[in-house]
N, C-alpha and C. Protein backbone atom coordinates (compact mmCIF):
# COMPACT_ATOMS: atom_id res chain seq x y z
N MET A 1 8.36 58.63 -33.41
CA MET A 1 7.82 59.64 -32.50
C MET A 1 7.34 60.83 -33.31
N THR A 2 6.53 61.70 -32.71
CA THR A 2 5.97 62.82 -33.44
C THR A 2 7.04 63.87 -33.73
N ALA A 3 6.76 64.70 -34.75
CA ALA A 3 7.72 65.73 -35.15
C ALA A 3 7.86 66.78 -34.05
N VAL A 4 9.02 67.46 -34.06
CA VAL A 4 9.26 68.51 -33.07
C VAL A 4 8.58 69.79 -33.55
N LYS A 5 7.29 69.88 -33.30
CA LYS A 5 6.52 71.08 -33.64
C LYS A 5 5.32 71.17 -32.71
N CYS A 6 4.79 72.37 -32.61
CA CYS A 6 3.67 72.62 -31.71
C CYS A 6 2.45 71.82 -32.15
N PHE A 7 1.81 71.12 -31.20
CA PHE A 7 0.63 70.33 -31.51
C PHE A 7 -0.55 71.21 -31.91
N TYR A 8 -0.50 72.51 -31.58
CA TYR A 8 -1.64 73.38 -31.80
C TYR A 8 -1.55 74.19 -33.09
N CYS A 9 -0.33 74.62 -33.44
CA CYS A 9 -0.20 75.49 -34.61
C CYS A 9 0.92 75.07 -35.56
N ASP A 10 1.59 73.94 -35.26
CA ASP A 10 2.66 73.41 -36.10
C ASP A 10 3.92 74.27 -36.11
N SER A 11 4.03 75.21 -35.18
CA SER A 11 5.25 76.02 -35.11
C SER A 11 6.44 75.13 -34.78
N PRO A 12 7.58 75.32 -35.47
CA PRO A 12 8.77 74.51 -35.16
C PRO A 12 9.44 74.92 -33.85
N ASP A 13 9.05 76.07 -33.31
CA ASP A 13 9.64 76.57 -32.06
C ASP A 13 8.90 75.91 -30.89
N ALA A 14 9.19 74.62 -30.66
CA ALA A 14 8.39 73.86 -29.70
C ALA A 14 9.25 73.21 -28.62
N THR A 15 8.73 73.19 -27.43
CA THR A 15 9.28 72.41 -26.34
C THR A 15 8.15 71.52 -25.81
N MET A 16 8.47 70.64 -24.86
CA MET A 16 7.44 69.72 -24.37
C MET A 16 7.08 69.99 -22.92
N HIS A 17 5.78 70.01 -22.67
CA HIS A 17 5.30 69.98 -21.29
C HIS A 17 5.05 68.51 -20.98
N GLU A 18 5.89 67.94 -20.12
CA GLU A 18 5.84 66.50 -19.85
C GLU A 18 4.95 66.17 -18.66
N ILE A 19 4.14 65.12 -18.83
CA ILE A 19 3.45 64.51 -17.70
C ILE A 19 4.42 63.55 -17.03
N GLU A 20 5.09 62.76 -17.83
CA GLU A 20 6.20 61.95 -17.37
C GLU A 20 7.20 61.85 -18.50
N TRP A 21 8.26 61.09 -18.33
CA TRP A 21 9.36 61.10 -19.29
C TRP A 21 8.87 60.76 -20.69
N LEU A 22 9.10 61.69 -21.65
CA LEU A 22 8.73 61.54 -23.05
C LEU A 22 7.24 61.31 -23.28
N PHE A 23 6.43 61.81 -22.37
CA PHE A 23 4.98 61.69 -22.52
C PHE A 23 4.36 63.01 -22.11
N GLY A 24 3.87 63.75 -23.09
CA GLY A 24 3.28 65.05 -22.80
C GLY A 24 2.83 65.71 -24.09
N ILE A 25 2.85 67.03 -24.12
CA ILE A 25 2.38 67.79 -25.28
C ILE A 25 3.45 68.78 -25.70
N LYS A 26 3.79 68.77 -26.99
CA LYS A 26 4.74 69.73 -27.55
C LYS A 26 4.00 71.02 -27.87
N HIS A 27 4.61 72.15 -27.50
CA HIS A 27 3.93 73.43 -27.65
C HIS A 27 4.93 74.53 -27.95
N CYS A 28 4.45 75.56 -28.61
CA CYS A 28 5.24 76.77 -28.81
C CYS A 28 5.02 77.69 -27.61
N PRO A 29 5.77 78.78 -27.49
CA PRO A 29 5.58 79.68 -26.34
C PRO A 29 4.14 80.20 -26.23
N GLU A 30 3.50 80.45 -27.36
CA GLU A 30 2.14 80.99 -27.34
C GLU A 30 1.12 80.00 -26.77
N HIS A 31 1.37 78.70 -26.95
CA HIS A 31 0.40 77.68 -26.54
C HIS A 31 0.83 76.89 -25.30
N LYS A 32 1.77 77.44 -24.53
CA LYS A 32 2.21 76.75 -23.32
C LYS A 32 1.04 76.54 -22.35
N ALA A 33 0.23 77.57 -22.14
CA ALA A 33 -0.89 77.45 -21.20
C ALA A 33 -1.88 76.39 -21.65
N SER A 34 -2.09 76.28 -22.96
CA SER A 34 -3.00 75.25 -23.48
C SER A 34 -2.45 73.86 -23.23
N ALA A 35 -1.14 73.70 -23.37
CA ALA A 35 -0.51 72.39 -23.14
C ALA A 35 -0.63 71.99 -21.67
N VAL A 36 -0.38 72.94 -20.77
CA VAL A 36 -0.51 72.65 -19.34
C VAL A 36 -1.95 72.26 -19.02
N ARG A 37 -2.90 73.02 -19.55
CA ARG A 37 -4.32 72.74 -19.32
C ARG A 37 -4.70 71.35 -19.82
N ASP A 38 -4.28 71.00 -21.03
CA ASP A 38 -4.68 69.73 -21.61
C ASP A 38 -4.02 68.55 -20.92
N CYS A 39 -2.78 68.73 -20.45
CA CYS A 39 -2.13 67.66 -19.68
C CYS A 39 -2.86 67.44 -18.36
N ARG A 40 -3.28 68.52 -17.73
CA ARG A 40 -4.02 68.38 -16.47
C ARG A 40 -5.39 67.76 -16.70
N ALA A 41 -6.03 68.09 -17.80
CA ALA A 41 -7.32 67.48 -18.13
C ALA A 41 -7.15 65.98 -18.33
N HIS A 42 -6.04 65.58 -18.95
CA HIS A 42 -5.75 64.15 -19.14
C HIS A 42 -5.55 63.47 -17.79
N LEU A 43 -4.81 64.10 -16.89
CA LEU A 43 -4.59 63.51 -15.57
C LEU A 43 -5.90 63.39 -14.80
N HIS A 44 -6.79 64.34 -14.97
CA HIS A 44 -8.10 64.27 -14.32
C HIS A 44 -8.86 63.03 -14.78
N GLU A 45 -8.83 62.78 -16.08
CA GLU A 45 -9.53 61.60 -16.62
C GLU A 45 -8.88 60.31 -16.14
N GLU A 46 -7.57 60.32 -15.96
CA GLU A 46 -6.85 59.13 -15.50
C GLU A 46 -6.88 58.98 -13.98
N LYS A 47 -7.47 59.96 -13.29
CA LYS A 47 -7.52 59.96 -11.82
C LYS A 47 -6.11 59.89 -11.23
N GLN A 48 -5.28 60.81 -11.69
CA GLN A 48 -3.92 60.94 -11.19
C GLN A 48 -3.64 62.40 -10.86
N VAL A 49 -2.76 62.61 -9.89
CA VAL A 49 -2.33 63.97 -9.54
C VAL A 49 -0.81 63.98 -9.51
N ASP A 50 -0.23 64.84 -10.34
CA ASP A 50 1.22 65.02 -10.36
C ASP A 50 1.66 65.52 -8.98
N MET A 51 2.67 64.86 -8.41
CA MET A 51 3.14 65.25 -7.08
C MET A 51 3.66 66.68 -7.05
N ARG A 52 4.16 67.17 -8.18
CA ARG A 52 4.62 68.56 -8.24
C ARG A 52 3.44 69.51 -8.08
N ASP A 53 2.31 69.18 -8.69
CA ASP A 53 1.11 70.00 -8.54
C ASP A 53 0.54 69.84 -7.13
N ALA A 54 0.62 68.63 -6.60
CA ALA A 54 0.11 68.39 -5.25
C ALA A 54 0.87 69.24 -4.23
N MET A 55 2.18 69.36 -4.41
CA MET A 55 3.00 70.12 -3.46
C MET A 55 2.62 71.60 -3.45
N SER A 56 2.15 72.11 -4.60
CA SER A 56 1.79 73.53 -4.67
C SER A 56 0.32 73.78 -4.35
N HIS A 57 -0.45 72.71 -4.09
CA HIS A 57 -1.87 72.84 -3.76
C HIS A 57 -2.00 73.23 -2.28
N PRO A 58 -2.92 74.13 -1.93
CA PRO A 58 -2.99 74.60 -0.54
C PRO A 58 -3.30 73.51 0.49
N ILE A 59 -4.03 72.47 0.09
CA ILE A 59 -4.38 71.40 1.04
C ILE A 59 -3.48 70.18 0.85
N LEU A 60 -3.33 69.71 -0.38
CA LEU A 60 -2.46 68.56 -0.62
C LEU A 60 -1.02 68.89 -0.24
N GLY A 61 -0.59 70.12 -0.53
CA GLY A 61 0.76 70.53 -0.20
C GLY A 61 1.00 70.53 1.31
N LYS A 62 0.02 71.01 2.05
CA LYS A 62 0.14 71.02 3.51
C LYS A 62 0.25 69.60 4.05
N PHE A 63 -0.53 68.68 3.47
CA PHE A 63 -0.47 67.28 3.87
C PHE A 63 0.90 66.68 3.58
N LEU A 64 1.41 66.88 2.37
CA LEU A 64 2.69 66.30 2.00
C LEU A 64 3.84 66.89 2.81
N GLN A 65 3.79 68.19 3.06
CA GLN A 65 4.85 68.82 3.85
C GLN A 65 4.85 68.31 5.29
N SER A 66 3.67 67.97 5.81
CA SER A 66 3.59 67.52 7.20
C SER A 66 4.16 66.11 7.40
N ILE A 67 4.27 65.35 6.31
CA ILE A 67 4.81 63.98 6.43
C ILE A 67 6.11 63.79 5.64
N ALA A 68 6.60 64.87 5.03
CA ALA A 68 7.75 64.76 4.12
C ALA A 68 9.03 64.31 4.79
N GLU A 69 9.25 64.72 6.03
CA GLU A 69 10.54 64.47 6.69
C GLU A 69 10.44 63.46 7.82
N VAL A 70 9.36 62.71 7.88
CA VAL A 70 9.19 61.72 8.95
C VAL A 70 8.95 60.33 8.36
N GLU A 71 9.30 59.32 9.14
CA GLU A 71 9.00 57.94 8.75
C GLU A 71 7.73 57.49 9.47
N PHE A 72 7.03 56.55 8.83
CA PHE A 72 5.77 56.07 9.37
C PHE A 72 5.58 54.61 8.98
N PRO A 73 4.74 53.88 9.70
CA PRO A 73 4.46 52.49 9.33
C PRO A 73 3.53 52.43 8.11
N VAL A 74 3.65 51.38 7.34
CA VAL A 74 2.77 51.12 6.20
C VAL A 74 2.17 49.73 6.35
N LEU A 75 0.89 49.63 6.08
CA LEU A 75 0.21 48.34 6.15
C LEU A 75 0.56 47.50 4.94
N ARG A 76 1.21 46.34 5.16
CA ARG A 76 1.57 45.44 4.08
C ARG A 76 0.44 44.48 3.78
N SER A 77 0.53 43.79 2.67
CA SER A 77 -0.53 42.85 2.27
C SER A 77 -0.66 41.69 3.25
N SER A 78 0.40 41.44 4.02
CA SER A 78 0.36 40.36 5.02
C SER A 78 -0.43 40.77 6.26
N GLY A 79 -0.78 42.06 6.35
CA GLY A 79 -1.47 42.58 7.54
C GLY A 79 -0.52 43.20 8.55
N GLU A 80 0.79 43.12 8.27
CA GLU A 80 1.79 43.69 9.17
C GLU A 80 1.89 45.19 8.98
N LEU A 81 2.00 45.93 10.07
CA LEU A 81 2.33 47.35 10.02
C LEU A 81 3.85 47.47 10.08
N GLN A 82 4.47 47.74 8.95
CA GLN A 82 5.93 47.77 8.88
C GLN A 82 6.45 49.20 9.02
N PRO A 83 7.31 49.47 10.01
CA PRO A 83 7.85 50.83 10.19
C PRO A 83 8.93 51.13 9.15
N GLY A 84 9.34 52.40 9.10
CA GLY A 84 10.48 52.78 8.29
C GLY A 84 10.15 53.25 6.89
N TRP A 85 8.90 53.65 6.63
CA TRP A 85 8.50 54.11 5.30
C TRP A 85 8.46 55.63 5.27
N SER A 86 8.60 56.19 4.07
CA SER A 86 8.51 57.64 3.89
C SER A 86 7.95 57.93 2.50
N VAL A 87 7.57 59.17 2.28
CA VAL A 87 7.05 59.59 0.97
C VAL A 87 8.18 59.56 -0.05
N ARG A 88 7.92 59.00 -1.22
CA ARG A 88 8.93 58.99 -2.28
C ARG A 88 9.16 60.39 -2.81
N LYS A 89 10.43 60.71 -3.07
CA LYS A 89 10.80 62.04 -3.56
C LYS A 89 11.00 62.08 -5.07
N SER A 90 11.34 60.93 -5.68
CA SER A 90 11.57 60.91 -7.13
C SER A 90 11.37 59.50 -7.64
N ALA A 91 11.25 59.40 -8.95
CA ALA A 91 11.09 58.11 -9.61
C ALA A 91 12.24 57.93 -10.59
N TYR A 92 13.17 57.05 -10.26
CA TYR A 92 14.31 56.75 -11.12
C TYR A 92 15.09 58.03 -11.47
N GLY A 93 15.24 58.91 -10.48
CA GLY A 93 16.00 60.13 -10.69
C GLY A 93 15.23 61.25 -11.35
N ARG A 94 13.95 61.03 -11.65
CA ARG A 94 13.13 62.07 -12.28
C ARG A 94 11.94 62.38 -11.38
N ASP A 95 11.39 63.58 -11.57
CA ASP A 95 10.30 64.03 -10.71
C ASP A 95 8.94 63.63 -11.29
N TYR A 96 8.79 62.37 -11.62
CA TYR A 96 7.51 61.91 -12.18
C TYR A 96 6.86 60.95 -11.19
N LEU A 97 6.14 61.51 -10.24
CA LEU A 97 5.43 60.71 -9.25
C LEU A 97 4.00 61.19 -9.17
N PHE A 98 3.09 60.26 -8.85
CA PHE A 98 1.67 60.61 -8.88
C PHE A 98 0.93 60.04 -7.68
N ILE A 99 0.03 60.84 -7.14
CA ILE A 99 -1.04 60.31 -6.30
C ILE A 99 -2.06 59.76 -7.28
N ALA A 100 -2.54 58.56 -7.05
CA ALA A 100 -3.40 57.91 -8.05
C ALA A 100 -4.58 57.21 -7.39
N TYR A 101 -5.61 56.99 -8.20
CA TYR A 101 -6.79 56.26 -7.75
C TYR A 101 -6.64 54.82 -8.22
N HIS A 102 -6.53 53.89 -7.28
CA HIS A 102 -6.25 52.50 -7.63
C HIS A 102 -7.07 51.57 -6.75
N ASN A 103 -7.78 50.66 -7.41
CA ASN A 103 -8.62 49.69 -6.68
C ASN A 103 -9.55 50.35 -5.68
N GLY A 104 -10.15 51.46 -6.11
CA GLY A 104 -11.15 52.12 -5.29
C GLY A 104 -10.61 53.01 -4.19
N GLU A 105 -9.28 53.28 -4.20
CA GLU A 105 -8.69 54.11 -3.15
C GLU A 105 -7.66 55.06 -3.75
N TRP A 106 -7.53 56.24 -3.12
CA TRP A 106 -6.46 57.16 -3.49
C TRP A 106 -5.19 56.75 -2.76
N VAL A 107 -4.11 56.56 -3.53
CA VAL A 107 -2.88 56.01 -2.97
C VAL A 107 -1.71 56.97 -3.19
N LEU A 108 -0.74 56.87 -2.28
CA LEU A 108 0.43 57.75 -2.26
C LEU A 108 1.70 56.93 -2.47
N PRO A 109 2.65 57.41 -3.30
CA PRO A 109 3.90 56.67 -3.49
C PRO A 109 4.80 56.76 -2.27
N VAL A 110 5.26 55.61 -1.79
CA VAL A 110 6.11 55.56 -0.60
C VAL A 110 7.29 54.63 -0.84
N ARG A 111 8.31 54.76 0.02
CA ARG A 111 9.53 53.97 -0.11
C ARG A 111 10.00 53.51 1.25
N HIS A 112 10.48 52.25 1.31
CA HIS A 112 11.07 51.72 2.54
C HIS A 112 12.58 51.85 2.42
N ALA A 113 13.18 52.73 3.25
CA ALA A 113 14.59 53.08 3.10
C ALA A 113 15.51 51.88 3.27
N ALA A 114 15.23 51.02 4.23
CA ALA A 114 16.15 49.93 4.53
C ALA A 114 16.24 48.90 3.42
N THR A 115 15.14 48.70 2.70
CA THR A 115 15.11 47.67 1.65
C THR A 115 14.96 48.24 0.24
N ASP A 116 14.73 49.54 0.14
CA ASP A 116 14.48 50.23 -1.13
C ASP A 116 13.24 49.68 -1.86
N VAL A 117 12.31 49.11 -1.11
CA VAL A 117 11.04 48.68 -1.70
C VAL A 117 10.18 49.91 -1.92
N GLN A 118 9.55 49.99 -3.09
CA GLN A 118 8.70 51.13 -3.42
C GLN A 118 7.30 50.63 -3.76
N LYS A 119 6.31 51.31 -3.23
CA LYS A 119 4.93 50.93 -3.46
C LYS A 119 4.03 52.13 -3.25
N HIS A 120 2.72 51.91 -3.36
CA HIS A 120 1.73 52.92 -3.05
C HIS A 120 0.92 52.46 -1.85
N THR A 121 0.58 53.39 -0.99
CA THR A 121 -0.22 53.06 0.18
C THR A 121 -1.47 53.93 0.20
N PRO A 122 -2.63 53.38 0.58
CA PRO A 122 -3.86 54.18 0.62
C PRO A 122 -3.75 55.34 1.61
N ILE A 123 -4.21 56.50 1.20
CA ILE A 123 -4.16 57.67 2.08
C ILE A 123 -5.06 57.47 3.29
N THR A 124 -6.15 56.72 3.13
CA THR A 124 -7.03 56.46 4.28
C THR A 124 -6.29 55.72 5.40
N ASN A 125 -5.24 54.97 5.04
CA ASN A 125 -4.50 54.22 6.07
C ASN A 125 -3.76 55.13 7.05
N PHE A 126 -3.55 56.39 6.67
CA PHE A 126 -2.89 57.31 7.59
C PHE A 126 -3.77 57.62 8.81
N LYS A 127 -5.05 57.26 8.72
CA LYS A 127 -5.95 57.47 9.85
C LYS A 127 -5.92 56.29 10.83
N MET A 128 -5.27 55.17 10.43
CA MET A 128 -5.18 54.02 11.33
C MET A 128 -4.37 54.39 12.57
N THR A 129 -4.79 53.88 13.72
CA THR A 129 -4.12 54.23 14.98
C THR A 129 -2.63 53.94 14.94
N GLY A 130 -2.25 52.77 14.44
CA GLY A 130 -0.85 52.39 14.42
C GLY A 130 0.00 53.23 13.49
N VAL A 131 -0.63 53.86 12.50
CA VAL A 131 0.09 54.73 11.57
C VAL A 131 0.06 56.17 12.07
N TYR A 132 -1.11 56.63 12.44
CA TYR A 132 -1.27 58.04 12.82
C TYR A 132 -0.48 58.40 14.08
N ASP A 133 -0.26 57.43 14.96
CA ASP A 133 0.48 57.71 16.19
C ASP A 133 1.86 58.30 15.91
N SER A 134 2.46 57.89 14.79
CA SER A 134 3.81 58.38 14.46
C SER A 134 3.78 59.72 13.74
N LEU A 135 2.57 60.21 13.41
CA LEU A 135 2.45 61.44 12.63
C LEU A 135 1.64 62.52 13.33
N LYS A 136 1.05 62.20 14.46
CA LYS A 136 0.09 63.11 15.09
C LYS A 136 0.69 64.43 15.52
N HIS A 137 2.01 64.50 15.68
CA HIS A 137 2.64 65.75 16.09
C HIS A 137 2.80 66.73 14.93
N THR A 138 2.71 66.23 13.69
CA THR A 138 2.87 67.11 12.53
C THR A 138 1.65 67.11 11.61
N LEU A 139 0.78 66.08 11.72
CA LEU A 139 -0.33 65.93 10.79
C LEU A 139 -1.67 66.01 11.51
N PRO A 140 -2.45 67.08 11.30
CA PRO A 140 -3.80 67.14 11.88
C PRO A 140 -4.68 66.05 11.27
N LEU A 141 -5.40 65.34 12.10
CA LEU A 141 -6.23 64.23 11.61
C LEU A 141 -7.27 64.71 10.61
N SER A 142 -7.84 65.88 10.84
CA SER A 142 -8.87 66.41 9.94
C SER A 142 -8.32 66.70 8.54
N LEU A 143 -7.00 66.92 8.46
CA LEU A 143 -6.40 67.24 7.16
C LEU A 143 -6.48 66.06 6.20
N ILE A 144 -6.45 64.84 6.72
CA ILE A 144 -6.53 63.66 5.87
C ILE A 144 -7.87 63.62 5.13
N ASP A 145 -8.95 63.93 5.84
CA ASP A 145 -10.26 63.98 5.20
C ASP A 145 -10.35 65.11 4.18
N GLU A 146 -9.72 66.23 4.47
CA GLU A 146 -9.70 67.34 3.52
C GLU A 146 -8.97 66.94 2.23
N VAL A 147 -7.88 66.21 2.38
CA VAL A 147 -7.11 65.74 1.23
C VAL A 147 -7.98 64.82 0.36
N LEU A 148 -8.64 63.88 0.99
CA LEU A 148 -9.48 62.93 0.25
C LEU A 148 -10.63 63.67 -0.44
N TYR A 149 -11.19 64.66 0.21
CA TYR A 149 -12.27 65.46 -0.40
C TYR A 149 -11.76 66.15 -1.66
N CYS A 150 -10.57 66.75 -1.59
CA CYS A 150 -9.99 67.43 -2.75
C CYS A 150 -9.74 66.46 -3.90
N LEU A 151 -9.21 65.28 -3.57
CA LEU A 151 -8.91 64.30 -4.61
C LEU A 151 -10.17 63.77 -5.26
N ILE A 152 -11.19 63.52 -4.47
CA ILE A 152 -12.46 63.01 -5.02
C ILE A 152 -13.09 64.04 -5.95
N ASN A 153 -13.03 65.31 -5.57
CA ASN A 153 -13.60 66.36 -6.40
C ASN A 153 -12.72 66.69 -7.60
N GLY A 154 -11.43 66.41 -7.49
CA GLY A 154 -10.51 66.61 -8.60
C GLY A 154 -9.86 67.96 -8.59
N ILE A 155 -8.54 68.00 -8.39
CA ILE A 155 -7.86 69.30 -8.37
C ILE A 155 -7.68 69.84 -9.79
N TYR A 156 -7.90 69.00 -10.80
CA TYR A 156 -7.82 69.45 -12.18
C TYR A 156 -9.20 69.57 -12.82
N ALA A 157 -10.25 69.61 -12.02
CA ALA A 157 -11.62 69.65 -12.56
C ALA A 157 -11.84 70.88 -13.43
N LYS A 158 -11.27 72.02 -13.04
CA LYS A 158 -11.44 73.25 -13.82
C LYS A 158 -10.87 73.09 -15.23
N GLU A 159 -9.65 72.54 -15.32
CA GLU A 159 -9.03 72.35 -16.63
C GLU A 159 -9.82 71.33 -17.47
N HIS A 160 -10.27 70.27 -16.83
CA HIS A 160 -11.03 69.24 -17.54
C HIS A 160 -12.34 69.82 -18.07
N ASP A 161 -13.04 70.60 -17.26
CA ASP A 161 -14.31 71.20 -17.69
C ASP A 161 -14.09 72.17 -18.84
N GLU A 162 -12.98 72.90 -18.79
CA GLU A 162 -12.68 73.85 -19.86
C GLU A 162 -12.44 73.13 -21.18
N VAL A 163 -11.69 72.03 -21.13
CA VAL A 163 -11.42 71.26 -22.35
C VAL A 163 -12.72 70.67 -22.90
N GLU A 164 -13.56 70.15 -22.03
CA GLU A 164 -14.83 69.57 -22.48
C GLU A 164 -15.72 70.64 -23.12
N LEU A 165 -15.70 71.86 -22.59
CA LEU A 165 -16.48 72.95 -23.16
C LEU A 165 -15.96 73.31 -24.55
N ILE A 166 -14.65 73.39 -24.68
CA ILE A 166 -14.05 73.69 -25.98
C ILE A 166 -14.43 72.63 -27.00
N LYS A 167 -14.38 71.37 -26.59
CA LYS A 167 -14.76 70.29 -27.50
C LYS A 167 -16.22 70.40 -27.92
N SER A 168 -17.09 70.70 -26.95
CA SER A 168 -18.53 70.78 -27.25
C SER A 168 -18.85 71.93 -28.20
N LEU A 169 -18.02 72.98 -28.18
CA LEU A 169 -18.24 74.13 -29.06
C LEU A 169 -17.51 73.99 -30.39
N GLY A 170 -16.83 72.85 -30.56
CA GLY A 170 -16.11 72.63 -31.81
C GLY A 170 -14.87 73.48 -31.94
N GLY A 171 -14.29 73.87 -30.80
CA GLY A 171 -13.11 74.72 -30.83
C GLY A 171 -11.89 74.00 -31.37
N GLN A 172 -10.93 74.77 -31.81
CA GLN A 172 -9.71 74.20 -32.39
C GLN A 172 -8.56 74.18 -31.39
N ASP A 173 -8.74 74.82 -30.27
CA ASP A 173 -7.65 74.93 -29.30
C ASP A 173 -7.57 73.69 -28.41
N THR A 174 -7.46 72.53 -29.05
CA THR A 174 -7.32 71.27 -28.33
C THR A 174 -6.22 70.47 -29.00
N VAL A 175 -5.74 69.43 -28.32
CA VAL A 175 -4.72 68.58 -28.91
C VAL A 175 -5.33 67.83 -30.08
N PRO A 176 -4.75 67.93 -31.26
CA PRO A 176 -5.32 67.24 -32.43
C PRO A 176 -5.31 65.73 -32.25
N GLU A 177 -6.31 65.09 -32.84
CA GLU A 177 -6.30 63.64 -32.89
C GLU A 177 -5.33 63.21 -33.99
N LEU A 178 -4.25 62.56 -33.64
CA LEU A 178 -3.23 62.18 -34.61
C LEU A 178 -3.49 60.76 -35.10
N VAL A 179 -3.72 60.63 -36.38
CA VAL A 179 -4.01 59.32 -36.95
C VAL A 179 -2.83 58.39 -36.79
N ASN A 180 -3.09 57.18 -36.29
CA ASN A 180 -2.07 56.14 -36.15
C ASN A 180 -0.95 56.50 -35.17
N VAL A 181 -1.24 57.39 -34.23
CA VAL A 181 -0.27 57.70 -33.19
C VAL A 181 -0.82 57.23 -31.86
N VAL A 182 0.00 56.50 -31.11
CA VAL A 182 -0.41 56.02 -29.81
C VAL A 182 0.51 56.62 -28.75
N SER A 183 -0.05 56.87 -27.57
CA SER A 183 0.72 57.41 -26.45
C SER A 183 1.03 56.28 -25.48
N ILE A 184 2.30 56.12 -25.13
CA ILE A 184 2.73 55.08 -24.21
C ILE A 184 3.43 55.74 -23.04
N PRO A 185 2.79 55.78 -21.85
CA PRO A 185 3.42 56.42 -20.70
C PRO A 185 4.81 55.86 -20.43
N GLY A 186 5.79 56.77 -20.27
CA GLY A 186 7.16 56.35 -20.01
C GLY A 186 7.99 56.16 -21.26
N LEU A 187 7.32 56.07 -22.42
CA LEU A 187 8.05 55.85 -23.66
C LEU A 187 7.81 56.96 -24.68
N GLY A 188 6.65 57.61 -24.64
CA GLY A 188 6.38 58.70 -25.55
C GLY A 188 5.25 58.38 -26.50
N ARG A 189 5.26 59.07 -27.66
CA ARG A 189 4.21 58.89 -28.66
C ARG A 189 4.82 58.30 -29.92
N PHE A 190 4.19 57.30 -30.48
CA PHE A 190 4.77 56.55 -31.59
C PHE A 190 3.78 56.43 -32.74
N LEU A 191 4.33 56.45 -33.94
CA LEU A 191 3.54 56.21 -35.14
C LEU A 191 3.38 54.72 -35.36
N VAL A 192 2.14 54.29 -35.53
CA VAL A 192 1.85 52.89 -35.78
C VAL A 192 1.48 52.73 -37.24
N MET A 193 2.25 51.93 -37.94
CA MET A 193 1.99 51.74 -39.36
C MET A 193 0.71 50.93 -39.55
N PRO A 194 -0.15 51.34 -40.49
CA PRO A 194 -1.39 50.59 -40.71
C PRO A 194 -1.10 49.23 -41.33
N PRO A 195 -1.98 48.26 -41.13
CA PRO A 195 -1.77 46.94 -41.74
C PRO A 195 -1.81 47.04 -43.25
N LYS A 196 -1.04 46.17 -43.89
CA LYS A 196 -0.97 46.17 -45.35
C LYS A 196 -2.33 45.75 -45.91
N VAL A 197 -2.81 46.53 -46.87
CA VAL A 197 -4.10 46.24 -47.50
C VAL A 197 -3.86 45.48 -48.79
N GLU A 198 -4.53 44.37 -48.94
CA GLU A 198 -4.38 43.57 -50.16
C GLU A 198 -4.94 44.35 -51.35
N ALA A 199 -4.28 44.20 -52.49
CA ALA A 199 -4.69 44.93 -53.69
C ALA A 199 -6.06 44.48 -54.16
N GLU A 200 -6.34 43.21 -54.05
CA GLU A 200 -7.63 42.68 -54.49
C GLU A 200 -8.29 41.96 -53.33
N GLN A 201 -9.58 42.18 -53.15
CA GLN A 201 -10.32 41.52 -52.12
C GLN A 201 -10.67 40.11 -52.56
N ALA A 202 -10.70 39.20 -51.59
CA ALA A 202 -11.09 37.83 -51.92
C ALA A 202 -12.52 37.80 -52.44
N GLU A 203 -12.78 36.89 -53.36
CA GLU A 203 -14.12 36.79 -53.94
C GLU A 203 -15.10 36.29 -52.89
N ASP A 204 -16.27 36.92 -52.82
CA ASP A 204 -17.28 36.55 -51.87
C ASP A 204 -17.85 35.21 -52.24
N PRO A 205 -17.68 34.16 -51.40
CA PRO A 205 -18.12 32.82 -51.76
C PRO A 205 -19.64 32.71 -51.82
N THR A 206 -20.36 33.68 -51.24
CA THR A 206 -21.82 33.60 -51.25
C THR A 206 -22.42 34.21 -52.50
N SER A 207 -21.61 34.91 -53.30
CA SER A 207 -22.18 35.59 -54.48
C SER A 207 -22.22 34.66 -55.68
């Protein structure tokens, strides 16, 4: 894994801004804002929204709060509308959950309490009659379209545009490209040893 130092200035006084467990950017106090910005720019490219950020967003937060304490049906792959689902509150005891763009749709993490089955359901499905009937007392129908509009436009678009501008100007205030380091969501960042290079190249048979 990478050394415990700031990715921006190599200061040893570093902590990590995590996107998920052991996956994020190490930063010193001076570069905390840069780490938050760059993590959000990464999520924008991956078409993901951290549920913690969603909860503090004026539109996404209103949507999540309106369905947070109620159960609703979810459309299963069999075509059945199964009751007893709710929004997931955590992932394996940690607050790493995401609204994500998957197979052409924005999806929300949900859980079936009776069976502990966890999956993602398309946000557009909340507009289905059989689903919306259980939410209409707390969820304005127009709010679902507002949520989708925000997600399509990107709640991290500002951070992503800022990072792209810095790159285009050749700025240094970006996450360095680390040679032979790969990022693995859920596991962290690891050094990959280069393949062994032979001391002598094989003779070219065409020469």
